[in-house]
């Protein structure tokens, strides 16, 4: 946590199941891209231009999909009077703190969140979700055990700062 004036910045370091899932997904994309690049080289060597072009197009698609899958990874949260800014790898979202409610998730809610966000050995660290326990929310997660629910006039978001208790205190102070 970094504090300067009336602004506090909280890091969001990927750990646990979210980080492991990102590594697995990166490996899958790298392997798929490698196979496609090998297909491009084979097609060039055997003078099969259509097959080579198709493999190159698919390899570029894998690169774009991998990049897009990481766009909403949270990197840090800035809390200042009146708003919270969620900085992601390639995006920014600002939430107003007027009439905001903030709290850490309970252990049973975190377990539910883990089940809600995981499928096939992968955990989604970002996206929109609708849950019978947590309601509708946007997720910006780097480690699920630090989950904090932030309810604002712009919607509900779950964020995962490295220091969740300090983040909750800073949001409460900035909202008042």
N, C-alpha and C. Protein backbone atom coordinates (compact mmCIF):
# COMPACT_ATOMS: atom_id res chain seq x y z
N UNK A 1 0.85 -1.18 0.00
CA UNK A 1 0.00 0.00 0.00
C UNK A 1 0.89 1.23 0.00
N UNK A 2 0.53 2.20 -0.86
CA UNK A 2 1.23 3.46 -0.93
C UNK A 2 0.23 4.57 -0.65
N UNK A 3 0.60 5.49 0.24
CA UNK A 3 -0.28 6.60 0.58
C UNK A 3 0.42 7.90 0.22
N UNK A 4 -0.29 8.76 -0.53
CA UNK A 4 0.23 10.09 -0.83
C UNK A 4 -0.93 11.07 -0.77
N UNK A 5 -0.89 11.95 0.21
CA UNK A 5 -1.98 12.91 0.38
C UNK A 5 -3.26 12.21 0.73
N UNK A 6 -4.30 12.45 -0.07
CA UNK A 6 -5.60 11.83 0.18
C UNK A 6 -5.83 10.61 -0.73
N UNK A 7 -4.76 10.05 -1.28
CA UNK A 7 -4.87 8.91 -2.18
C UNK A 7 -4.08 7.72 -1.64
N UNK A 8 -4.68 6.54 -1.69
CA UNK A 8 -4.01 5.30 -1.29
C UNK A 8 -4.03 4.34 -2.47
N UNK A 9 -2.88 3.72 -2.73
CA UNK A 9 -2.76 2.77 -3.83
C UNK A 9 -2.48 1.39 -3.26
N UNK A 10 -3.25 0.40 -3.74
CA UNK A 10 -3.13 -0.97 -3.28
C UNK A 10 -2.76 -1.87 -4.45
N UNK A 11 -1.73 -2.67 -4.29
CA UNK A 11 -1.32 -3.62 -5.33
C UNK A 11 -2.27 -4.81 -5.37
N UNK A 12 -2.34 -5.44 -6.52
CA UNK A 12 -3.12 -6.67 -6.71
C UNK A 12 -2.19 -7.70 -7.33
N UNK A 13 -1.47 -8.44 -6.50
CA UNK A 13 -0.50 -9.42 -6.95
C UNK A 13 -1.18 -10.77 -7.13
N UNK A 14 -1.02 -11.34 -8.31
CA UNK A 14 -1.65 -12.64 -8.58
C UNK A 14 -0.94 -13.74 -7.80
N UNK A 15 -1.74 -14.51 -7.06
CA UNK A 15 -1.24 -15.66 -6.30
C UNK A 15 -2.33 -16.71 -6.24
N UNK A 16 -1.97 -17.88 -5.77
CA UNK A 16 -2.94 -18.94 -5.55
C UNK A 16 -3.52 -19.50 -6.83
N UNK A 17 -4.81 -19.83 -6.79
CA UNK A 17 -5.45 -20.50 -7.92
C UNK A 17 -5.55 -19.60 -9.14
N UNK A 18 -5.66 -18.30 -8.95
CA UNK A 18 -5.74 -17.38 -10.09
C UNK A 18 -4.42 -17.36 -10.84
N UNK A 19 -3.31 -17.24 -10.10
CA UNK A 19 -1.98 -17.23 -10.74
C UNK A 19 -1.68 -18.57 -11.41
N UNK A 20 -2.03 -19.67 -10.75
CA UNK A 20 -1.79 -20.99 -11.33
C UNK A 20 -2.61 -21.16 -12.61
N UNK A 21 -3.84 -20.68 -12.60
CA UNK A 21 -4.68 -20.78 -13.78
C UNK A 21 -4.11 -19.94 -14.93
N UNK A 22 -3.62 -18.75 -14.62
CA UNK A 22 -3.01 -17.91 -15.66
C UNK A 22 -1.80 -18.58 -16.27
N UNK A 23 -0.99 -19.24 -15.43
CA UNK A 23 0.18 -19.95 -15.96
C UNK A 23 -0.24 -21.11 -16.86
N UNK A 24 -1.24 -21.89 -16.42
CA UNK A 24 -1.73 -23.00 -17.25
C UNK A 24 -2.28 -22.51 -18.58
N UNK A 25 -3.07 -21.44 -18.53
CA UNK A 25 -3.64 -20.90 -19.75
C UNK A 25 -2.54 -20.37 -20.68
N UNK A 26 -1.54 -19.72 -20.11
CA UNK A 26 -0.40 -19.26 -20.91
C UNK A 26 0.33 -20.41 -21.58
N UNK A 27 0.49 -21.53 -20.85
CA UNK A 27 1.14 -22.71 -21.42
C UNK A 27 0.31 -23.29 -22.56
N UNK A 28 -1.01 -23.36 -22.38
CA UNK A 28 -1.89 -23.89 -23.42
C UNK A 28 -1.79 -23.03 -24.68
N UNK A 29 -1.84 -21.71 -24.51
CA UNK A 29 -1.73 -20.82 -25.67
C UNK A 29 -0.36 -20.92 -26.33
N UNK A 30 0.70 -21.02 -25.53
CA UNK A 30 2.05 -21.14 -26.10
C UNK A 30 2.19 -22.45 -26.88
N UNK A 31 1.68 -23.54 -26.33
CA UNK A 31 1.75 -24.83 -27.01
C UNK A 31 0.95 -24.79 -28.32
N UNK A 32 -0.25 -24.25 -28.25
CA UNK A 32 -1.08 -24.16 -29.45
C UNK A 32 -0.42 -23.26 -30.50
N UNK A 33 0.11 -22.14 -30.07
CA UNK A 33 0.81 -21.25 -31.00
C UNK A 33 2.03 -21.92 -31.60
N UNK A 34 2.78 -22.66 -30.79
CA UNK A 34 3.95 -23.37 -31.29
C UNK A 34 3.61 -24.41 -32.34
N UNK A 35 2.54 -25.16 -32.10
CA UNK A 35 2.09 -26.16 -33.08
C UNK A 35 1.68 -25.47 -34.38
N UNK A 36 0.98 -24.36 -34.27
CA UNK A 36 0.55 -23.64 -35.47
C UNK A 36 1.73 -23.04 -36.24
N UNK A 37 2.73 -22.52 -35.53
CA UNK A 37 3.92 -21.99 -36.20
C UNK A 37 4.68 -23.13 -36.89
N UNK A 38 4.76 -24.28 -36.24
CA UNK A 38 5.38 -25.44 -36.88
C UNK A 38 4.61 -25.82 -38.14
N UNK A 39 3.28 -25.73 -38.10
CA UNK A 39 2.45 -25.98 -39.28
C UNK A 39 2.73 -24.99 -40.39
N UNK A 40 2.95 -23.74 -40.02
CA UNK A 40 3.29 -22.71 -41.02
C UNK A 40 4.61 -23.07 -41.70
N UNK A 41 5.61 -23.42 -40.88
CA UNK A 41 6.93 -23.78 -41.44
C UNK A 41 6.83 -25.01 -42.34
N UNK A 42 6.10 -26.00 -41.89
CA UNK A 42 5.93 -27.21 -42.71
C UNK A 42 5.24 -26.87 -44.03
N UNK A 43 4.20 -26.05 -43.96
CA UNK A 43 3.47 -25.67 -45.17
C UNK A 43 4.36 -24.89 -46.14
N UNK A 44 5.20 -24.03 -45.60
CA UNK A 44 6.12 -23.26 -46.46
C UNK A 44 7.11 -24.20 -47.13
N UNK A 45 7.66 -25.14 -46.36
CA UNK A 45 8.64 -26.08 -46.91
C UNK A 45 8.02 -27.00 -47.97
N UNK A 46 6.77 -27.33 -47.83
CA UNK A 46 6.11 -28.22 -48.80
C UNK A 46 5.31 -27.43 -49.84
N UNK A 47 5.43 -26.12 -49.82
CA UNK A 47 4.81 -25.20 -50.79
C UNK A 47 3.28 -25.32 -50.83
N UNK A 48 2.71 -25.43 -49.65
CA UNK A 48 1.26 -25.46 -49.53
C UNK A 48 0.82 -24.10 -48.99
N UNK A 49 0.66 -23.14 -49.88
CA UNK A 49 0.42 -21.77 -49.49
C UNK A 49 -0.90 -21.58 -48.74
N UNK A 50 -1.95 -22.23 -49.18
CA UNK A 50 -3.23 -22.07 -48.50
C UNK A 50 -3.14 -22.60 -47.06
N UNK A 51 -2.59 -23.78 -46.89
CA UNK A 51 -2.46 -24.36 -45.54
C UNK A 51 -1.56 -23.50 -44.66
N UNK A 52 -0.47 -22.99 -45.23
CA UNK A 52 0.43 -22.12 -44.47
C UNK A 52 -0.24 -20.82 -44.07
N UNK A 53 -1.00 -20.24 -44.99
CA UNK A 53 -1.72 -19.00 -44.69
C UNK A 53 -2.76 -19.23 -43.60
N UNK A 54 -3.47 -20.34 -43.69
CA UNK A 54 -4.47 -20.67 -42.68
C UNK A 54 -3.82 -20.87 -41.31
N UNK A 55 -2.73 -21.60 -41.25
CA UNK A 55 -2.03 -21.83 -39.98
C UNK A 55 -1.49 -20.52 -39.41
N UNK A 56 -0.98 -19.63 -40.26
CA UNK A 56 -0.49 -18.34 -39.81
C UNK A 56 -1.63 -17.50 -39.25
N UNK A 57 -2.75 -17.50 -39.95
CA UNK A 57 -3.93 -16.77 -39.48
C UNK A 57 -4.38 -17.30 -38.11
N UNK A 58 -4.41 -18.60 -37.94
CA UNK A 58 -4.80 -19.20 -36.66
C UNK A 58 -3.79 -18.89 -35.56
N UNK A 59 -2.50 -18.90 -35.89
CA UNK A 59 -1.47 -18.56 -34.90
C UNK A 59 -1.64 -17.12 -34.43
N UNK A 60 -1.91 -16.21 -35.34
CA UNK A 60 -2.16 -14.82 -34.96
C UNK A 60 -3.42 -14.71 -34.10
N UNK A 61 -4.43 -15.50 -34.43
CA UNK A 61 -5.65 -15.53 -33.62
C UNK A 61 -5.38 -15.99 -32.20
N UNK A 62 -4.53 -16.99 -32.05
CA UNK A 62 -4.17 -17.47 -30.70
C UNK A 62 -3.48 -16.36 -29.92
N UNK A 63 -2.58 -15.63 -30.58
CA UNK A 63 -1.90 -14.52 -29.92
C UNK A 63 -2.90 -13.46 -29.45
N UNK A 64 -3.83 -13.09 -30.32
CA UNK A 64 -4.83 -12.07 -29.98
C UNK A 64 -5.72 -12.55 -28.84
N UNK A 65 -6.16 -13.79 -28.89
CA UNK A 65 -7.02 -14.33 -27.83
C UNK A 65 -6.27 -14.35 -26.50
N UNK A 66 -5.00 -14.74 -26.51
CA UNK A 66 -4.22 -14.74 -25.27
C UNK A 66 -4.11 -13.34 -24.71
N UNK A 67 -3.83 -12.38 -25.56
CA UNK A 67 -3.71 -10.99 -25.10
C UNK A 67 -5.04 -10.51 -24.52
N UNK A 68 -6.13 -10.81 -25.21
CA UNK A 68 -7.45 -10.39 -24.74
C UNK A 68 -7.83 -11.07 -23.42
N UNK A 69 -7.37 -12.27 -23.21
CA UNK A 69 -7.70 -12.98 -21.97
C UNK A 69 -7.03 -12.35 -20.76
N UNK A 70 -6.03 -11.50 -20.99
CA UNK A 70 -5.31 -10.87 -19.88
C UNK A 70 -5.64 -9.40 -19.71
N UNK A 71 -6.50 -8.84 -20.55
CA UNK A 71 -6.77 -7.41 -20.52
C UNK A 71 -7.37 -6.92 -19.21
N UNK A 72 -8.20 -7.70 -18.57
CA UNK A 72 -8.88 -7.25 -17.36
C UNK A 72 -8.20 -7.70 -16.07
N UNK A 73 -6.96 -8.16 -16.14
CA UNK A 73 -6.22 -8.52 -14.93
C UNK A 73 -5.96 -7.26 -14.11
N UNK A 74 -6.41 -7.23 -12.86
CA UNK A 74 -6.16 -6.03 -12.04
C UNK A 74 -4.69 -5.94 -11.64
N UNK A 75 -4.16 -4.73 -11.69
CA UNK A 75 -2.78 -4.51 -11.26
C UNK A 75 -2.72 -3.70 -9.98
N UNK A 76 -3.61 -2.71 -9.86
CA UNK A 76 -3.66 -1.94 -8.62
C UNK A 76 -4.99 -1.22 -8.49
N UNK A 77 -5.27 -0.80 -7.26
CA UNK A 77 -6.49 -0.08 -6.93
C UNK A 77 -6.09 1.25 -6.30
N UNK A 78 -6.66 2.34 -6.78
CA UNK A 78 -6.40 3.66 -6.20
C UNK A 78 -7.68 4.13 -5.52
N UNK A 79 -7.54 4.51 -4.26
CA UNK A 79 -8.66 5.03 -3.50
C UNK A 79 -8.36 6.49 -3.20
N UNK A 80 -9.29 7.34 -3.62
CA UNK A 80 -9.17 8.76 -3.28
C UNK A 80 -10.56 9.28 -2.97
N UNK A 81 -10.63 10.47 -2.45
CA UNK A 81 -11.91 11.04 -2.05
C UNK A 81 -12.91 10.94 -3.18
N UNK A 82 -13.96 10.18 -2.96
CA UNK A 82 -15.04 10.11 -3.91
C UNK A 82 -14.99 9.01 -4.94
N UNK A 83 -13.86 8.28 -5.09
CA UNK A 83 -13.83 7.23 -6.12
C UNK A 83 -12.75 6.18 -5.84
N UNK A 84 -12.97 5.04 -6.46
CA UNK A 84 -11.98 3.96 -6.50
C UNK A 84 -11.67 3.71 -7.96
N UNK A 85 -10.40 3.67 -8.30
CA UNK A 85 -9.98 3.36 -9.67
C UNK A 85 -9.39 1.97 -9.69
N UNK A 86 -9.89 1.14 -10.60
CA UNK A 86 -9.38 -0.22 -10.78
C UNK A 86 -8.51 -0.19 -12.03
N UNK A 87 -7.20 -0.29 -11.83
CA UNK A 87 -6.27 -0.31 -12.95
C UNK A 87 -6.04 -1.75 -13.36
N UNK A 88 -6.29 -2.02 -14.63
CA UNK A 88 -6.09 -3.35 -15.18
C UNK A 88 -4.97 -3.28 -16.20
N UNK A 89 -4.53 -4.41 -16.66
CA UNK A 89 -3.42 -4.46 -17.61
C UNK A 89 -3.66 -3.55 -18.82
N UNK A 90 -4.87 -3.55 -19.36
CA UNK A 90 -5.18 -2.75 -20.55
C UNK A 90 -6.48 -1.98 -20.42
N UNK A 91 -6.91 -1.68 -19.21
CA UNK A 91 -8.17 -0.96 -19.03
C UNK A 91 -8.18 -0.25 -17.68
N UNK A 92 -9.16 0.61 -17.52
CA UNK A 92 -9.35 1.35 -16.28
C UNK A 92 -10.84 1.46 -16.01
N UNK A 93 -11.22 1.26 -14.76
CA UNK A 93 -12.62 1.45 -14.37
C UNK A 93 -12.65 2.28 -13.09
N UNK A 94 -13.46 3.31 -13.11
CA UNK A 94 -13.63 4.16 -11.93
C UNK A 94 -15.01 3.93 -11.35
N UNK A 95 -15.06 3.76 -10.04
CA UNK A 95 -16.32 3.57 -9.33
C UNK A 95 -16.51 4.72 -8.35
N UNK A 96 -17.67 5.37 -8.38
CA UNK A 96 -17.92 6.45 -7.42
C UNK A 96 -18.17 5.86 -6.03
N UNK A 97 -17.78 6.60 -5.02
CA UNK A 97 -17.96 6.09 -3.66
C UNK A 97 -19.16 6.71 -2.94
N UNK A 98 -19.95 7.48 -3.66
CA UNK A 98 -21.16 8.06 -3.08
C UNK A 98 -22.11 6.92 -2.72
N UNK A 99 -22.51 6.84 -1.47
CA UNK A 99 -23.40 5.79 -0.96
C UNK A 99 -22.82 4.39 -1.15
N UNK A 100 -21.51 4.26 -1.15
CA UNK A 100 -20.86 2.96 -1.35
C UNK A 100 -20.88 2.13 -0.06
N UNK A 101 -20.95 0.82 -0.27
CA UNK A 101 -20.85 -0.14 0.83
C UNK A 101 -19.69 -1.07 0.48
N UNK A 102 -18.81 -1.30 1.44
CA UNK A 102 -17.65 -2.15 1.18
C UNK A 102 -17.49 -3.12 2.35
N UNK A 103 -17.15 -4.36 2.01
CA UNK A 103 -16.90 -5.36 3.06
C UNK A 103 -16.08 -6.51 2.48
N UNK A 104 -15.35 -7.18 3.36
CA UNK A 104 -14.65 -8.40 2.95
C UNK A 104 -15.66 -9.53 2.84
N UNK A 105 -15.41 -10.42 1.92
CA UNK A 105 -16.28 -11.58 1.79
C UNK A 105 -16.01 -12.56 2.92
N UNK A 106 -17.05 -13.24 3.36
CA UNK A 106 -16.95 -14.28 4.38
C UNK A 106 -16.32 -15.52 3.76
N UNK A 107 -15.72 -16.40 4.58
CA UNK A 107 -15.10 -17.62 4.02
C UNK A 107 -16.04 -18.46 3.16
N UNK A 108 -17.31 -18.62 3.56
CA UNK A 108 -18.23 -19.41 2.74
C UNK A 108 -18.53 -18.71 1.41
N UNK A 109 -18.50 -17.37 1.40
CA UNK A 109 -18.71 -16.62 0.15
C UNK A 109 -17.49 -16.76 -0.77
N UNK A 110 -16.31 -16.80 -0.19
CA UNK A 110 -15.08 -16.99 -0.98
C UNK A 110 -15.07 -18.38 -1.59
N UNK A 111 -15.49 -19.39 -0.82
CA UNK A 111 -15.59 -20.75 -1.36
C UNK A 111 -16.59 -20.80 -2.52
N UNK A 112 -17.71 -20.12 -2.35
CA UNK A 112 -18.71 -20.06 -3.42
C UNK A 112 -18.12 -19.34 -4.65
N UNK A 113 -17.41 -18.26 -4.43
CA UNK A 113 -16.78 -17.50 -5.52
C UNK A 113 -15.77 -18.38 -6.26
N UNK A 114 -15.00 -19.16 -5.53
CA UNK A 114 -14.02 -20.05 -6.17
C UNK A 114 -14.73 -21.07 -7.06
N UNK A 115 -15.82 -21.62 -6.60
CA UNK A 115 -16.57 -22.58 -7.41
C UNK A 115 -17.24 -21.92 -8.61
N UNK A 116 -17.71 -20.71 -8.41
CA UNK A 116 -18.39 -19.97 -9.47
C UNK A 116 -17.44 -19.59 -10.61
N UNK A 117 -16.20 -19.29 -10.27
CA UNK A 117 -15.25 -18.78 -11.27
C UNK A 117 -14.37 -19.86 -11.89
N UNK A 118 -14.49 -21.09 -11.44
CA UNK A 118 -13.61 -22.13 -11.97
C UNK A 118 -14.38 -23.15 -12.81
N UNK A 119 -13.71 -23.57 -13.87
CA UNK A 119 -14.26 -24.62 -14.72
C UNK A 119 -13.12 -25.27 -15.50
N UNK A 120 -13.12 -26.56 -15.57
CA UNK A 120 -12.13 -27.28 -16.36
C UNK A 120 -10.69 -27.03 -15.95
N UNK A 121 -10.43 -26.76 -14.68
CA UNK A 121 -9.07 -26.53 -14.22
C UNK A 121 -8.58 -25.10 -14.39
N UNK A 122 -9.46 -24.21 -14.87
CA UNK A 122 -9.09 -22.81 -15.05
C UNK A 122 -9.99 -21.94 -14.18
N UNK A 123 -9.43 -20.84 -13.66
CA UNK A 123 -10.17 -19.91 -12.84
C UNK A 123 -10.22 -18.57 -13.56
N UNK A 124 -11.42 -18.05 -13.73
CA UNK A 124 -11.58 -16.74 -14.36
C UNK A 124 -11.32 -15.67 -13.31
N UNK A 125 -10.32 -14.85 -13.53
CA UNK A 125 -10.00 -13.77 -12.60
C UNK A 125 -10.73 -12.49 -12.90
N UNK A 126 -11.44 -12.44 -14.02
CA UNK A 126 -12.15 -11.22 -14.39
C UNK A 126 -13.40 -11.60 -15.19
N UNK A 127 -14.41 -10.76 -15.06
CA UNK A 127 -15.63 -10.99 -15.83
C UNK A 127 -16.86 -10.62 -15.04
N UNK A 128 -18.00 -10.76 -15.68
CA UNK A 128 -19.26 -10.50 -15.04
C UNK A 128 -19.89 -11.80 -14.59
N UNK A 129 -20.44 -11.82 -13.39
CA UNK A 129 -21.02 -13.03 -12.83
C UNK A 129 -22.35 -12.71 -12.17
N UNK A 130 -23.18 -13.73 -12.05
CA UNK A 130 -24.46 -13.62 -11.34
C UNK A 130 -24.58 -14.83 -10.44
N UNK A 131 -24.73 -14.58 -9.16
CA UNK A 131 -24.70 -15.65 -8.18
C UNK A 131 -25.93 -15.57 -7.28
N UNK A 132 -26.42 -16.72 -6.85
CA UNK A 132 -27.55 -16.73 -5.93
C UNK A 132 -27.15 -16.27 -4.53
N UNK A 133 -25.86 -16.29 -4.22
CA UNK A 133 -25.38 -15.84 -2.91
C UNK A 133 -24.88 -14.40 -2.97
N UNK A 134 -24.10 -14.08 -3.99
CA UNK A 134 -23.45 -12.76 -4.08
C UNK A 134 -24.17 -11.78 -4.98
N UNK A 135 -25.17 -12.24 -5.72
CA UNK A 135 -25.87 -11.35 -6.64
C UNK A 135 -25.06 -11.14 -7.91
N UNK A 136 -25.40 -10.10 -8.65
CA UNK A 136 -24.70 -9.79 -9.90
C UNK A 136 -23.52 -8.88 -9.58
N UNK A 137 -22.34 -9.20 -10.15
CA UNK A 137 -21.14 -8.41 -9.86
C UNK A 137 -20.12 -8.57 -10.98
N UNK A 138 -19.19 -7.62 -11.02
CA UNK A 138 -18.03 -7.71 -11.90
C UNK A 138 -16.84 -8.13 -11.04
N UNK A 139 -16.03 -9.04 -11.55
CA UNK A 139 -14.90 -9.57 -10.80
C UNK A 139 -13.59 -9.07 -11.39
N UNK A 140 -12.73 -8.57 -10.52
CA UNK A 140 -11.36 -8.17 -10.88
C UNK A 140 -10.45 -8.78 -9.83
N UNK A 141 -10.05 -10.06 -10.04
CA UNK A 141 -9.38 -10.83 -8.99
C UNK A 141 -7.95 -11.19 -9.33
N UNK A 142 -7.10 -11.08 -8.33
CA UNK A 142 -5.73 -11.56 -8.44
C UNK A 142 -5.48 -12.69 -7.44
N UNK A 143 -6.21 -12.70 -6.34
CA UNK A 143 -6.19 -13.82 -5.39
C UNK A 143 -7.51 -13.83 -4.62
N UNK A 144 -8.21 -14.91 -4.75
CA UNK A 144 -9.59 -14.97 -4.26
C UNK A 144 -9.72 -14.83 -2.75
N UNK A 145 -8.73 -15.26 -1.99
CA UNK A 145 -8.85 -15.20 -0.53
C UNK A 145 -8.87 -13.77 0.01
N UNK A 146 -8.53 -12.78 -0.82
CA UNK A 146 -8.56 -11.37 -0.40
C UNK A 146 -9.78 -10.64 -0.93
N UNK A 147 -10.82 -11.35 -1.29
CA UNK A 147 -11.98 -10.76 -1.96
C UNK A 147 -12.70 -9.73 -1.10
N UNK A 148 -12.97 -8.58 -1.73
CA UNK A 148 -13.70 -7.48 -1.10
C UNK A 148 -14.83 -7.09 -2.04
N UNK A 149 -16.05 -7.01 -1.50
CA UNK A 149 -17.22 -6.60 -2.28
C UNK A 149 -17.41 -5.10 -2.13
N UNK A 150 -17.51 -4.43 -3.26
CA UNK A 150 -17.69 -2.98 -3.30
C UNK A 150 -19.00 -2.70 -4.04
N UNK A 151 -20.00 -2.21 -3.32
CA UNK A 151 -21.30 -1.89 -3.91
C UNK A 151 -21.39 -0.39 -4.08
N UNK A 152 -21.57 0.07 -5.33
CA UNK A 152 -21.66 1.50 -5.61
C UNK A 152 -22.89 1.79 -6.45
N UNK A 153 -23.09 3.06 -6.75
CA UNK A 153 -24.21 3.43 -7.62
C UNK A 153 -23.98 2.95 -9.05
N UNK A 154 -22.73 2.64 -9.41
CA UNK A 154 -22.41 2.12 -10.75
C UNK A 154 -22.44 0.60 -10.82
N UNK A 155 -22.79 -0.06 -9.76
CA UNK A 155 -22.85 -1.52 -9.76
C UNK A 155 -22.03 -2.12 -8.64
N UNK A 156 -21.89 -3.42 -8.73
CA UNK A 156 -21.17 -4.17 -7.69
C UNK A 156 -19.92 -4.76 -8.31
N UNK A 157 -18.83 -4.70 -7.55
CA UNK A 157 -17.56 -5.25 -8.02
C UNK A 157 -16.89 -5.99 -6.87
N UNK A 158 -16.21 -7.07 -7.23
CA UNK A 158 -15.37 -7.76 -6.26
C UNK A 158 -13.94 -7.55 -6.72
N UNK A 159 -13.13 -7.00 -5.81
CA UNK A 159 -11.72 -6.74 -6.08
C UNK A 159 -10.89 -7.49 -5.04
N UNK A 160 -9.61 -7.68 -5.33
CA UNK A 160 -8.77 -8.47 -4.42
C UNK A 160 -7.44 -7.77 -4.18
N UNK A 161 -7.44 -6.72 -3.35
CA UNK A 161 -6.18 -6.05 -3.04
C UNK A 161 -5.28 -6.94 -2.18
N UNK A 162 -3.98 -6.69 -2.24
CA UNK A 162 -3.04 -7.46 -1.42
C UNK A 162 -3.30 -7.25 0.07
N UNK A 163 -3.80 -6.08 0.44
CA UNK A 163 -4.09 -5.76 1.85
C UNK A 163 -5.58 -5.40 1.97
N UNK A 164 -6.43 -6.41 2.05
CA UNK A 164 -7.88 -6.15 2.00
C UNK A 164 -8.42 -5.34 3.18
N UNK A 165 -7.93 -5.56 4.39
CA UNK A 165 -8.46 -4.82 5.53
C UNK A 165 -8.12 -3.33 5.43
N UNK A 166 -6.90 -3.03 5.00
CA UNK A 166 -6.50 -1.64 4.82
C UNK A 166 -7.28 -0.99 3.68
N UNK A 167 -7.57 -1.77 2.64
CA UNK A 167 -8.36 -1.26 1.51
C UNK A 167 -9.76 -0.90 1.98
N UNK A 168 -10.40 -1.77 2.74
CA UNK A 168 -11.74 -1.51 3.25
C UNK A 168 -11.73 -0.22 4.08
N UNK A 169 -10.74 -0.07 4.95
CA UNK A 169 -10.64 1.13 5.79
C UNK A 169 -10.45 2.39 4.92
N UNK A 170 -9.64 2.28 3.89
CA UNK A 170 -9.40 3.44 3.02
C UNK A 170 -10.66 3.81 2.24
N UNK A 171 -11.42 2.82 1.79
CA UNK A 171 -12.67 3.11 1.07
C UNK A 171 -13.69 3.75 1.99
N UNK A 172 -13.81 3.23 3.20
CA UNK A 172 -14.74 3.82 4.17
C UNK A 172 -14.36 5.27 4.44
N UNK A 173 -13.06 5.54 4.62
CA UNK A 173 -12.61 6.91 4.87
C UNK A 173 -12.84 7.81 3.65
N UNK A 174 -12.59 7.30 2.45
CA UNK A 174 -12.76 8.11 1.24
C UNK A 174 -14.23 8.34 0.90
N UNK A 175 -15.11 7.44 1.33
CA UNK A 175 -16.52 7.58 1.03
C UNK A 175 -17.20 8.61 1.93
N UNK A 176 -16.59 8.89 3.07
CA UNK A 176 -17.24 9.82 4.02
C UNK A 176 -16.68 11.22 3.90
